[in-house]
């Protein structure tokens, strides 16, 4: 029994750094950066998911675009302490996956 791909991959993580990673493939300004032809995208994923499940889920979700995942790197982001209205608390911890696609593939949903 396979899991639902939307239970493994929650949503795309949209930050300034994630946007920069996805646009490395189009950059020609710096010769060092111009070597990156494989696009990278960042997703928030289920903390219990492994790299093989994440790769399968991304390929299933974007099956209509016929993409191939070449690598998956995962990072656990710990919650930060913060105060709001005099009360202390924590932001939620989450797991994010940096997914590298094959050269020429793209997910342009941002």
N, C-alpha and C. Protein backbone atom coordinates (compact mmCIF):
# COMPACT_ATOMS: atom_id res chain seq x y z
N UNK A 1 0.84 -1.19 0.00
CA UNK A 1 0.00 0.00 0.00
C UNK A 1 0.88 1.25 0.00
N UNK A 2 0.69 2.11 -0.97
CA UNK A 2 1.48 3.33 -1.05
C UNK A 2 0.74 4.47 -0.40
N UNK A 3 1.51 5.42 0.09
CA UNK A 3 0.94 6.61 0.71
C UNK A 3 0.47 7.58 -0.35
N UNK A 4 -0.35 8.50 0.05
CA UNK A 4 -0.77 9.58 -0.82
C UNK A 4 0.41 10.55 -0.96
N UNK A 5 0.80 10.95 -2.17
CA UNK A 5 1.94 11.85 -2.31
C UNK A 5 1.75 13.19 -1.61
N UNK A 6 0.50 13.61 -1.44
CA UNK A 6 0.23 14.89 -0.76
C UNK A 6 0.35 14.77 0.76
N UNK A 7 0.42 13.55 1.29
CA UNK A 7 0.72 13.37 2.71
C UNK A 7 2.22 13.43 2.96
N UNK A 8 3.01 13.12 1.95
CA UNK A 8 4.47 13.16 2.07
C UNK A 8 4.97 14.58 1.82
N UNK A 9 4.55 15.19 0.71
CA UNK A 9 4.95 16.56 0.37
C UNK A 9 3.79 17.48 0.71
N UNK A 10 4.02 18.39 1.67
CA UNK A 10 2.94 19.27 2.11
C UNK A 10 2.76 20.45 1.17
N UNK A 11 3.83 21.21 0.94
CA UNK A 11 3.74 22.35 0.03
C UNK A 11 5.15 22.82 -0.32
N UNK A 12 5.22 23.68 -1.32
CA UNK A 12 6.51 24.25 -1.72
C UNK A 12 6.88 25.34 -0.74
N UNK A 13 8.14 25.36 -0.34
CA UNK A 13 8.65 26.33 0.64
C UNK A 13 9.14 27.55 -0.14
N UNK A 14 8.43 28.67 0.00
CA UNK A 14 8.74 29.87 -0.77
C UNK A 14 9.44 30.87 0.14
N UNK A 15 10.75 31.00 -0.06
CA UNK A 15 11.56 31.99 0.64
C UNK A 15 12.51 32.62 -0.37
N UNK A 16 13.23 33.60 0.08
CA UNK A 16 14.18 34.25 -0.81
C UNK A 16 15.28 33.29 -1.24
N UNK A 17 15.77 32.50 -0.30
CA UNK A 17 16.84 31.55 -0.61
C UNK A 17 16.33 30.43 -1.52
N UNK A 18 15.12 29.95 -1.28
CA UNK A 18 14.55 28.90 -2.13
C UNK A 18 14.33 29.41 -3.55
N UNK A 19 13.91 30.65 -3.67
CA UNK A 19 13.71 31.25 -5.00
C UNK A 19 15.04 31.37 -5.74
N UNK A 20 16.11 31.73 -5.01
CA UNK A 20 17.43 31.84 -5.61
C UNK A 20 17.91 30.48 -6.11
N UNK A 21 17.66 29.41 -5.34
CA UNK A 21 18.06 28.07 -5.76
C UNK A 21 17.34 27.64 -7.04
N UNK A 22 16.06 27.97 -7.15
CA UNK A 22 15.32 27.56 -8.34
C UNK A 22 15.71 28.37 -9.57
N UNK A 23 16.26 29.56 -9.39
CA UNK A 23 16.65 30.39 -10.53
C UNK A 23 18.12 30.28 -10.90
N UNK A 24 18.87 29.40 -10.25
CA UNK A 24 20.28 29.23 -10.60
C UNK A 24 20.46 28.73 -12.03
N UNK A 25 19.52 27.92 -12.51
CA UNK A 25 19.63 27.35 -13.85
C UNK A 25 19.54 28.41 -14.95
N UNK A 26 18.91 29.56 -14.65
CA UNK A 26 18.72 30.61 -15.65
C UNK A 26 19.78 31.70 -15.57
N UNK A 27 20.65 31.63 -14.57
CA UNK A 27 21.61 32.71 -14.35
C UNK A 27 22.86 32.52 -15.22
N UNK A 28 23.23 33.56 -15.94
CA UNK A 28 24.45 33.53 -16.75
C UNK A 28 25.42 34.64 -16.36
N UNK A 29 25.07 35.42 -15.33
CA UNK A 29 25.87 36.59 -14.98
C UNK A 29 27.24 36.21 -14.41
N UNK A 30 27.28 35.18 -13.61
CA UNK A 30 28.51 34.76 -12.97
C UNK A 30 28.94 33.42 -13.55
N UNK A 31 30.19 33.28 -14.03
CA UNK A 31 30.61 32.01 -14.63
C UNK A 31 30.55 30.84 -13.65
N UNK A 32 30.74 31.13 -12.38
CA UNK A 32 30.70 30.08 -11.37
C UNK A 32 29.26 29.57 -11.19
N UNK A 33 28.30 30.48 -11.22
CA UNK A 33 26.90 30.10 -11.06
C UNK A 33 26.35 29.51 -12.35
N UNK A 34 26.88 29.88 -13.48
CA UNK A 34 26.37 29.41 -14.77
C UNK A 34 26.58 27.91 -14.95
N UNK A 35 27.39 27.28 -14.09
CA UNK A 35 27.60 25.83 -14.19
C UNK A 35 26.39 25.05 -13.72
N UNK A 36 25.53 25.63 -12.92
CA UNK A 36 24.38 24.93 -12.36
C UNK A 36 23.27 24.86 -13.41
N UNK A 37 23.13 23.72 -14.03
CA UNK A 37 22.09 23.53 -15.04
C UNK A 37 20.92 22.72 -14.50
N UNK A 38 21.09 22.12 -13.32
CA UNK A 38 20.02 21.33 -12.73
C UNK A 38 19.26 22.19 -11.73
N UNK A 39 17.97 22.39 -11.93
CA UNK A 39 17.20 23.23 -11.01
C UNK A 39 16.97 22.55 -9.67
N UNK A 40 16.87 23.34 -8.61
CA UNK A 40 16.60 22.84 -7.26
C UNK A 40 15.36 23.55 -6.73
N UNK A 41 14.51 22.78 -6.07
CA UNK A 41 13.30 23.32 -5.48
C UNK A 41 13.20 22.85 -4.04
N UNK A 42 12.58 23.66 -3.19
CA UNK A 42 12.48 23.37 -1.77
C UNK A 42 11.02 23.12 -1.41
N UNK A 43 10.78 22.03 -0.68
CA UNK A 43 9.43 21.64 -0.26
C UNK A 43 9.42 21.37 1.23
N UNK A 44 8.29 21.63 1.88
CA UNK A 44 8.06 21.22 3.26
C UNK A 44 7.45 19.83 3.18
N UNK A 45 8.05 18.88 3.92
CA UNK A 45 7.63 17.49 3.82
C UNK A 45 7.27 16.93 5.19
N UNK A 46 6.67 15.76 5.18
CA UNK A 46 6.33 15.05 6.41
C UNK A 46 7.62 14.69 7.15
N UNK A 47 7.71 14.94 8.45
CA UNK A 47 8.95 14.65 9.19
C UNK A 47 9.32 13.17 9.20
N UNK A 48 8.38 12.28 8.95
CA UNK A 48 8.67 10.84 8.96
C UNK A 48 9.03 10.29 7.58
N UNK A 49 8.96 11.11 6.54
CA UNK A 49 9.23 10.66 5.18
C UNK A 49 10.73 10.55 4.93
N UNK A 50 11.12 9.52 4.17
CA UNK A 50 12.53 9.38 3.81
C UNK A 50 12.76 9.92 2.39
N UNK A 51 14.01 9.90 1.95
CA UNK A 51 14.35 10.53 0.67
C UNK A 51 13.72 9.82 -0.53
N UNK A 52 13.63 8.49 -0.46
CA UNK A 52 13.02 7.75 -1.57
C UNK A 52 11.53 8.07 -1.69
N UNK A 53 10.84 8.18 -0.56
CA UNK A 53 9.42 8.53 -0.58
C UNK A 53 9.21 9.94 -1.11
N UNK A 54 10.10 10.85 -0.73
CA UNK A 54 9.98 12.24 -1.19
C UNK A 54 10.17 12.31 -2.71
N UNK A 55 11.19 11.61 -3.22
CA UNK A 55 11.44 11.60 -4.67
C UNK A 55 10.24 11.02 -5.42
N UNK A 56 9.68 9.92 -4.92
CA UNK A 56 8.52 9.30 -5.55
C UNK A 56 7.33 10.26 -5.55
N UNK A 57 7.10 10.93 -4.40
CA UNK A 57 5.95 11.82 -4.28
C UNK A 57 6.06 13.01 -5.23
N UNK A 58 7.25 13.59 -5.35
CA UNK A 58 7.43 14.73 -6.26
C UNK A 58 7.18 14.30 -7.70
N UNK A 59 7.69 13.13 -8.08
CA UNK A 59 7.46 12.65 -9.45
C UNK A 59 5.98 12.34 -9.69
N UNK A 60 5.27 11.86 -8.68
CA UNK A 60 3.84 11.59 -8.83
C UNK A 60 3.03 12.88 -8.93
N UNK A 61 3.35 13.86 -8.09
CA UNK A 61 2.60 15.12 -8.09
C UNK A 61 2.76 15.85 -9.42
N UNK A 62 3.97 15.84 -9.95
CA UNK A 62 4.25 16.55 -11.21
C UNK A 62 4.39 15.57 -12.36
N UNK A 63 3.58 14.52 -12.38
CA UNK A 63 3.65 13.50 -13.43
C UNK A 63 3.32 14.08 -14.79
N UNK A 64 2.42 15.06 -14.85
CA UNK A 64 2.03 15.66 -16.13
C UNK A 64 3.17 16.44 -16.77
N UNK A 65 4.14 16.89 -15.97
CA UNK A 65 5.29 17.63 -16.52
C UNK A 65 6.46 16.70 -16.84
N UNK A 66 6.31 15.42 -16.49
CA UNK A 66 7.31 14.38 -16.81
C UNK A 66 8.70 14.75 -16.29
N UNK A 67 8.78 15.03 -14.98
CA UNK A 67 10.07 15.39 -14.39
C UNK A 67 10.73 14.16 -13.78
N UNK A 68 12.05 14.24 -13.60
CA UNK A 68 12.83 13.18 -12.97
C UNK A 68 13.65 13.79 -11.85
N UNK A 69 13.52 13.23 -10.65
CA UNK A 69 14.27 13.70 -9.48
C UNK A 69 15.62 12.99 -9.49
N UNK A 70 16.72 13.76 -9.43
CA UNK A 70 18.05 13.16 -9.41
C UNK A 70 18.63 13.08 -8.01
N UNK A 71 18.25 14.00 -7.11
CA UNK A 71 18.78 13.99 -5.75
C UNK A 71 17.79 14.66 -4.80
N UNK A 72 17.83 14.20 -3.54
CA UNK A 72 17.00 14.80 -2.50
C UNK A 72 17.88 15.00 -1.27
N UNK A 73 17.94 16.22 -0.77
CA UNK A 73 18.63 16.52 0.48
C UNK A 73 17.58 17.00 1.47
N UNK A 74 17.67 16.53 2.72
CA UNK A 74 16.68 16.91 3.72
C UNK A 74 17.33 17.66 4.86
N UNK A 75 16.56 18.57 5.46
CA UNK A 75 17.01 19.37 6.59
C UNK A 75 15.87 19.46 7.59
N UNK A 76 16.18 19.24 8.86
CA UNK A 76 15.19 19.44 9.92
C UNK A 76 15.40 20.84 10.49
N UNK A 77 14.37 21.66 10.43
CA UNK A 77 14.44 23.03 10.92
C UNK A 77 13.77 23.06 12.29
N UNK A 78 14.54 23.43 13.31
CA UNK A 78 13.99 23.49 14.66
C UNK A 78 13.21 24.79 14.86
N UNK A 79 12.19 24.72 15.68
CA UNK A 79 11.39 25.90 15.98
C UNK A 79 12.18 26.92 16.77
N UNK A 80 11.82 28.18 16.62
CA UNK A 80 12.51 29.27 17.31
C UNK A 80 11.67 29.73 18.50
N UNK A 81 12.37 30.15 19.54
CA UNK A 81 11.68 30.73 20.69
C UNK A 81 11.26 32.15 20.33
N UNK A 82 10.07 32.51 20.76
CA UNK A 82 9.62 33.88 20.52
C UNK A 82 8.63 34.29 21.58
N UNK A 83 8.50 35.58 21.74
CA UNK A 83 7.55 36.14 22.70
C UNK A 83 6.50 36.91 21.95
N UNK A 84 5.27 36.73 22.42
CA UNK A 84 4.17 37.49 21.82
C UNK A 84 3.20 37.86 22.92
N UNK A 85 2.98 39.15 23.08
CA UNK A 85 2.10 39.69 24.12
C UNK A 85 2.52 39.23 25.51
N UNK A 86 3.81 39.18 25.74
CA UNK A 86 4.32 38.82 27.06
C UNK A 86 4.42 37.34 27.33
N UNK A 87 3.95 36.51 26.43
CA UNK A 87 4.01 35.07 26.63
C UNK A 87 5.12 34.48 25.76
N UNK A 88 5.84 33.53 26.31
CA UNK A 88 6.88 32.88 25.53
C UNK A 88 6.30 31.65 24.85
N UNK A 89 6.87 31.31 23.72
CA UNK A 89 6.40 30.15 22.98
C UNK A 89 7.43 29.73 21.96
N UNK A 90 7.06 28.78 21.16
CA UNK A 90 7.96 28.27 20.12
C UNK A 90 7.21 28.23 18.79
N UNK A 91 7.93 28.50 17.70
CA UNK A 91 7.36 28.25 16.39
C UNK A 91 7.49 26.75 16.11
N UNK A 92 6.78 26.25 15.17
CA UNK A 92 6.80 24.82 14.89
C UNK A 92 8.08 24.40 14.20
N UNK A 93 8.54 23.20 14.51
CA UNK A 93 9.65 22.59 13.79
C UNK A 93 9.08 21.92 12.55
N UNK A 94 9.90 21.81 11.50
CA UNK A 94 9.45 21.15 10.29
C UNK A 94 10.65 20.56 9.56
N UNK A 95 10.35 19.74 8.56
CA UNK A 95 11.39 19.13 7.74
C UNK A 95 11.23 19.65 6.32
N UNK A 96 12.34 20.07 5.72
CA UNK A 96 12.27 20.53 4.34
C UNK A 96 13.18 19.68 3.48
N UNK A 97 12.81 19.56 2.22
CA UNK A 97 13.57 18.77 1.27
C UNK A 97 14.00 19.66 0.11
N UNK A 98 15.28 19.60 -0.21
CA UNK A 98 15.81 20.30 -1.37
C UNK A 98 15.92 19.27 -2.49
N UNK A 99 15.08 19.42 -3.50
CA UNK A 99 14.96 18.43 -4.56
C UNK A 99 15.67 18.94 -5.81
N UNK A 100 16.59 18.12 -6.34
CA UNK A 100 17.31 18.45 -7.57
C UNK A 100 16.69 17.68 -8.72
N UNK A 101 16.33 18.38 -9.78
CA UNK A 101 15.72 17.75 -10.94
C UNK A 101 16.76 17.55 -12.03
N UNK A 102 16.39 16.76 -13.02
CA UNK A 102 17.24 16.55 -14.17
C UNK A 102 17.36 17.84 -14.99
N UNK A 103 18.44 17.97 -15.71
CA UNK A 103 18.65 19.18 -16.53
C UNK A 103 17.55 19.29 -17.57
N UNK A 104 16.97 20.48 -17.67
CA UNK A 104 15.89 20.73 -18.62
C UNK A 104 14.50 20.64 -17.99
N UNK A 105 14.37 19.99 -16.84
CA UNK A 105 13.08 19.90 -16.16
C UNK A 105 12.85 21.17 -15.33
N UNK A 106 11.59 21.49 -15.10
CA UNK A 106 11.27 22.68 -14.30
C UNK A 106 9.89 22.55 -13.69
N UNK A 107 9.77 23.12 -12.50
CA UNK A 107 8.49 23.27 -11.82
C UNK A 107 8.32 24.76 -11.59
N UNK A 108 7.56 25.41 -12.41
CA UNK A 108 7.40 26.85 -12.32
C UNK A 108 6.05 27.20 -11.73
N UNK A 109 5.89 26.96 -10.42
CA UNK A 109 4.63 27.26 -9.77
C UNK A 109 4.71 28.51 -8.91
N UNK A 110 5.90 29.07 -8.77
CA UNK A 110 6.07 30.25 -7.91
C UNK A 110 5.66 31.48 -8.69
